[in-house]
Amino acid sequence: MFRKQKTLIIDHNSERNNRIKNYLDQDHFICYQAKTLDEFNSLYTNNNYDCIILEDVFPGINTNKFLVKNRRNSQAITIVVSDMLNEAYLEDLLDAGADDYIVVPFSLTSLLRKIQDVYKMGVLRPRKIYRFKDIILDDTAKTVSLNDHSVTLTKNEFKLLKMLMSHPYQPYTSTKIFEGIWGDSVYADDQSVMNLVSSLIIKLNRTGSHEEYIRRFGANSYKMAI
């Protein structure tokens, strides 16, 4: 990292917040500290950051909702600090939009290494995000959020949604979808495509705030509902 990284540390544990700031200030970071909800609201609103370090139990913040909204509006590297060892819980943080997490207790060198690893990955593989209505598909993190909630999709549902969102005005035939999902149109099966599309539509409609996201086009084609 060559330029100073503008970093917001959101942690109500004053001692830990200060330790992180003092350590990162020695490297390529300019750190701002939020230890209360008022400080968070003042610093986060209408400001952009290169990096956010977020305590997962910060008073007044719903961590998962924050991660979803932050991913919608920001390209900041986001590391969550947690004392939870539950693997499913930590995976949910990643699904919601965190780039990585670090579990308490941790060394400051480990925290810096995680930030640097995410940064390098972003430089080598820039984040690619698709948006349609209130859907946000992050192709780098492989996450989907909808109406400010994370949505769990199967691998094939994710591939289908990415295909449709990448060209929202273009209808895709069942054969083209089958080829894109399963890799060989020789064995194209309309019923498998219909089942996959229906499953995806159900999940989107269950969480979304719009009446329609995907529509049938003609006899056997599908596209985003513009």
Protein backbone atom coordinates (compact mmCIF):
# COMPACT_ATOMS: atom_id res chain seq x y z
CA MET A 1 0.00 0.00 0.00
CA PHE A 2 1.57 3.26 -1.11
CA ARG A 3 -0.80 6.01 -0.04
CA LYS A 4 -2.22 6.56 3.40
CA GLN A 5 -5.26 4.36 3.99
CA LYS A 6 -8.15 6.24 5.60
CA THR A 7 -9.37 3.84 8.28
CA LEU A 8 -12.35 3.88 10.65
CA ILE A 9 -12.04 1.78 13.82
CA ILE A 10 -15.51 1.03 15.23
CA ASP A 11 -14.93 -0.55 18.64
CA HIS A 12 -16.42 0.42 22.01
CA ASN A 13 -13.53 -1.28 23.83
CA SER A 14 -11.44 1.86 24.34
CA GLU A 15 -8.20 0.04 25.12
CA ARG A 16 -8.39 -2.20 22.06
CA ASN A 17 -9.48 0.69 19.84
CA ASN A 18 -6.46 2.72 20.98
CA ARG A 19 -4.05 -0.19 20.51
CA ILE A 20 -5.24 -0.74 16.95
CA LYS A 21 -5.00 2.97 16.14
CA ASN A 22 -1.53 3.39 17.65
CA TYR A 23 -0.24 0.36 15.77
CA LEU A 24 -1.75 1.18 12.38
CA ASP A 25 -0.74 4.84 12.64
CA GLN A 26 2.86 3.65 12.43
CA ASP A 27 2.16 2.11 9.03
CA HIS A 28 0.34 3.54 6.00
CA PHE A 29 -2.92 4.43 7.78
CA ILE A 30 -4.77 7.50 8.97
CA CYS A 31 -7.09 6.23 11.70
CA TYR A 32 -10.37 7.63 13.00
CA GLN A 33 -11.96 6.19 16.12
CA ALA A 34 -15.61 5.53 16.93
CA LYS A 35 -16.12 4.34 20.51
CA THR A 36 -19.76 5.42 20.89
CA LEU A 37 -22.78 5.33 18.60
CA ASP A 38 -22.77 9.12 18.33
CA GLU A 39 -19.12 9.07 17.23
CA PHE A 40 -19.91 6.34 14.72
CA ASN A 41 -22.83 8.29 13.25
CA SER A 42 -20.71 11.43 12.99
CA LEU A 43 -17.69 9.74 11.41
CA TYR A 44 -19.36 7.20 9.14
CA THR A 45 -22.10 9.35 7.64
CA ASN A 46 -20.99 11.25 4.53
CA ASN A 47 -17.39 10.01 4.78
CA ASN A 48 -15.53 7.48 2.68
CA TYR A 49 -12.92 5.07 4.02
CA ASP A 50 -10.39 2.70 2.55
CA CYS A 51 -10.63 0.35 5.50
CA ILE A 52 -13.16 -0.33 8.28
CA ILE A 53 -12.42 -2.37 11.39
CA LEU A 54 -15.71 -3.25 13.09
CA GLU A 55 -16.42 -4.80 16.46
CA ASP A 56 -19.26 -7.26 15.93
CA VAL A 57 -21.07 -6.37 19.18
CA PHE A 58 -20.74 -2.59 18.95
CA PRO A 59 -23.69 -1.12 20.90
CA GLY A 60 -26.44 0.20 18.64
CA ILE A 61 -25.20 -1.45 15.41
CA ASN A 62 -26.72 -4.56 13.83
CA THR A 63 -23.52 -6.00 12.41
CA ASN A 64 -24.99 -8.01 9.55
CA LYS A 65 -27.27 -5.19 8.39
CA PHE A 66 -24.35 -2.76 8.56
CA LEU A 67 -22.17 -5.06 6.48
CA VAL A 68 -24.86 -5.42 3.81
CA LYS A 69 -25.48 -1.66 3.61
CA ASN A 70 -21.78 -0.85 3.69
CA ARG A 71 -21.08 -3.23 0.81
CA ARG A 72 -23.79 -1.50 -1.18
CA ASN A 73 -22.23 1.95 -0.77
CA SER A 74 -18.54 1.36 -0.14
CA GLN A 75 -15.48 -0.38 -1.51
CA ALA A 76 -13.73 -0.25 1.88
CA ILE A 77 -11.83 -3.27 3.13
CA THR A 78 -13.93 -4.49 6.07
CA ILE A 79 -12.50 -6.61 8.88
CA VAL A 80 -14.77 -7.72 11.74
CA VAL A 81 -13.36 -8.17 15.25
CA SER A 82 -15.17 -10.92 17.17
CA ASP A 83 -14.75 -13.13 20.21
CA MET A 84 -17.06 -15.77 18.72
CA LEU A 85 -15.59 -19.11 17.68
CA ASN A 86 -18.76 -20.40 16.04
CA GLU A 87 -17.85 -21.18 12.44
CA ALA A 88 -21.39 -20.70 11.09
CA TYR A 89 -21.61 -17.29 12.76
CA LEU A 90 -18.30 -16.19 11.30
CA GLU A 91 -19.29 -17.45 7.85
CA ASP A 92 -22.49 -15.37 8.10
CA LEU A 93 -20.30 -12.28 8.58
CA LEU A 94 -18.52 -13.06 5.32
CA ASP A 95 -21.84 -13.71 3.55
CA ALA A 96 -23.14 -10.35 4.76
CA GLY A 97 -20.17 -8.50 3.26
CA ALA A 98 -17.13 -8.68 5.54
CA ASP A 99 -13.86 -9.27 3.71
CA ASP A 100 -12.40 -11.13 6.68
CA TYR A 101 -12.66 -11.47 10.44
CA ILE A 102 -10.22 -11.75 13.32
CA VAL A 103 -11.01 -13.48 16.59
CA VAL A 104 -10.09 -12.05 20.01
CA PRO A 105 -7.42 -12.33 21.32
CA PHE A 106 -5.32 -11.47 18.28
CA SER A 107 -1.95 -9.92 17.52
CA LEU A 108 -1.83 -6.56 15.80
CA THR A 109 0.59 -7.98 13.23
CA SER A 110 -2.07 -10.58 12.33
CA LEU A 111 -4.65 -7.82 11.88
CA LEU A 112 -2.32 -5.87 9.62
CA ARG A 113 -1.56 -8.99 7.59
CA LYS A 114 -5.28 -9.64 7.05
CA ILE A 115 -5.81 -6.07 5.83
CA GLN A 116 -2.84 -6.34 3.48
CA ASP A 117 -3.98 -9.71 2.12
CA VAL A 118 -7.46 -8.36 1.33
CA TYR A 119 -5.95 -5.24 -0.22
CA LYS A 120 -3.63 -7.27 -2.44
CA MET A 121 -6.49 -9.51 -3.52
CA GLY A 122 -8.51 -6.42 -4.44
CA VAL A 123 -5.63 -4.98 -6.47
CA LEU A 124 -5.04 -8.24 -8.31
CA ARG A 125 -8.71 -9.08 -8.61
CA PRO A 126 -10.77 -5.87 -8.46
CA ARG A 127 -14.19 -6.21 -6.85
CA LYS A 128 -16.92 -6.64 -9.41
CA ILE A 129 -20.40 -5.71 -8.27
CA TYR A 130 -23.69 -5.96 -10.18
CA ARG A 131 -26.80 -4.03 -9.12
CA PHE A 132 -30.42 -4.40 -10.16
CA LYS A 133 -33.32 -2.82 -8.27
CA ASP A 134 -32.44 -3.66 -4.65
CA ILE A 135 -30.22 -6.66 -5.50
CA ILE A 136 -26.45 -6.36 -5.03
CA LEU A 137 -24.35 -9.25 -6.35
CA ASP A 138 -20.67 -9.14 -5.37
CA ASP A 139 -18.87 -11.45 -7.78
CA THR A 140 -15.56 -11.08 -5.95
CA ALA A 141 -16.85 -11.99 -2.50
CA LYS A 142 -19.50 -14.31 -4.00
CA THR A 143 -22.27 -12.72 -1.94
CA VAL A 144 -25.77 -11.49 -2.69
CA SER A 145 -27.75 -8.96 -0.68
CA LEU A 146 -31.33 -7.96 -1.28
CA ASN A 147 -33.35 -5.25 0.41
CA ASP A 148 -30.52 -4.82 2.97
CA HIS A 149 -30.46 -8.53 3.85
CA SER A 150 -27.92 -11.17 2.86
CA VAL A 151 -29.38 -13.94 0.68
CA THR A 152 -28.08 -17.50 0.65
CA LEU A 153 -28.04 -18.98 -2.86
CA THR A 154 -26.79 -22.28 -4.16
CA LYS A 155 -23.81 -22.25 -6.49
CA ASN A 156 -26.05 -22.67 -9.54
CA GLU A 157 -28.55 -20.04 -8.36
CA PHE A 158 -25.67 -17.60 -7.95
CA LYS A 159 -24.36 -18.39 -11.44
CA LEU A 160 -27.81 -17.91 -12.94
CA LEU A 161 -28.40 -14.59 -11.18
CA LYS A 162 -24.97 -13.33 -12.23
CA MET A 163 -25.66 -14.35 -15.84
CA LEU A 164 -28.98 -12.48 -15.93
CA MET A 165 -27.76 -9.40 -14.03
CA SER A 166 -24.62 -9.00 -16.14
CA HIS A 167 -26.86 -8.38 -19.20
CA PRO A 168 -30.25 -7.39 -17.76
CA TYR A 169 -31.80 -6.46 -21.12
CA GLN A 170 -30.78 -9.70 -22.83
CA PRO A 171 -33.13 -12.71 -22.83
CA TYR A 172 -31.42 -16.07 -22.27
CA THR A 173 -32.90 -19.22 -23.77
CA SER A 174 -33.19 -22.36 -21.66
CA THR A 175 -30.44 -23.93 -23.78
CA LYS A 176 -28.10 -20.98 -23.21
CA ILE A 177 -28.81 -21.04 -19.48
CA PHE A 178 -28.22 -24.79 -19.29
CA GLU A 179 -24.91 -24.36 -21.12
CA GLY A 180 -23.86 -21.52 -18.80
CA ILE A 181 -24.77 -23.42 -15.62
CA TRP A 182 -24.00 -27.04 -16.41
CA GLY A 183 -21.52 -26.55 -19.23
CA ASP A 184 -22.89 -28.66 -22.08
CA SER A 185 -25.97 -27.80 -24.11
CA VAL A 186 -26.04 -31.30 -25.67
CA TYR A 187 -27.87 -32.52 -22.57
CA ALA A 188 -30.01 -29.39 -22.21
CA ASP A 189 -33.05 -30.01 -20.04
CA ASP A 190 -35.80 -27.37 -19.96
CA GLN A 191 -37.25 -28.78 -16.75
CA SER A 192 -33.94 -28.40 -14.88
CA VAL A 193 -33.71 -24.78 -16.02
CA MET A 194 -37.32 -24.08 -15.03
CA ASN A 195 -36.74 -25.57 -11.58
CA LEU A 196 -33.59 -23.51 -11.09
CA VAL A 197 -35.25 -20.28 -12.24
CA SER A 198 -38.28 -20.94 -10.02
CA SER A 199 -36.09 -21.61 -6.97
CA LEU A 200 -34.17 -18.38 -7.53
CA ILE A 201 -37.34 -16.34 -8.05
CA ILE A 202 -38.83 -17.69 -4.81
CA LYS A 203 -35.75 -16.64 -2.82
CA LEU A 204 -35.66 -13.18 -4.38
CA ASN A 205 -39.37 -12.57 -3.90
CA ARG A 206 -39.22 -13.79 -0.29
CA THR A 207 -36.67 -11.12 0.66
CA GLY A 208 -37.09 -8.36 -1.90
CA SER A 209 -39.24 -5.25 -1.97
CA HIS A 210 -40.16 -5.36 -5.67
CA GLU A 211 -42.96 -7.37 -7.24
CA GLU A 212 -40.83 -8.89 -9.99
CA TYR A 213 -37.11 -9.49 -10.56
CA ILE A 214 -36.98 -12.16 -13.28
CA ARG A 215 -39.56 -12.73 -15.98
CA ARG A 216 -40.19 -15.24 -18.73
CA PHE A 217 -39.54 -13.90 -22.22
CA GLY A 218 -41.24 -15.73 -25.05
CA ALA A 219 -41.67 -19.49 -24.91
CA ASN A 220 -38.46 -20.56 -23.21
CA SER A 221 -36.31 -17.54 -22.41
CA TYR A 222 -35.69 -15.52 -19.23
CA LYS A 223 -34.39 -12.04 -18.41
CA MET A 224 -34.34 -9.52 -15.61
CA ALA A 225 -37.68 -7.73 -15.20
CA ILE A 226 -36.72 -4.23 -16.40
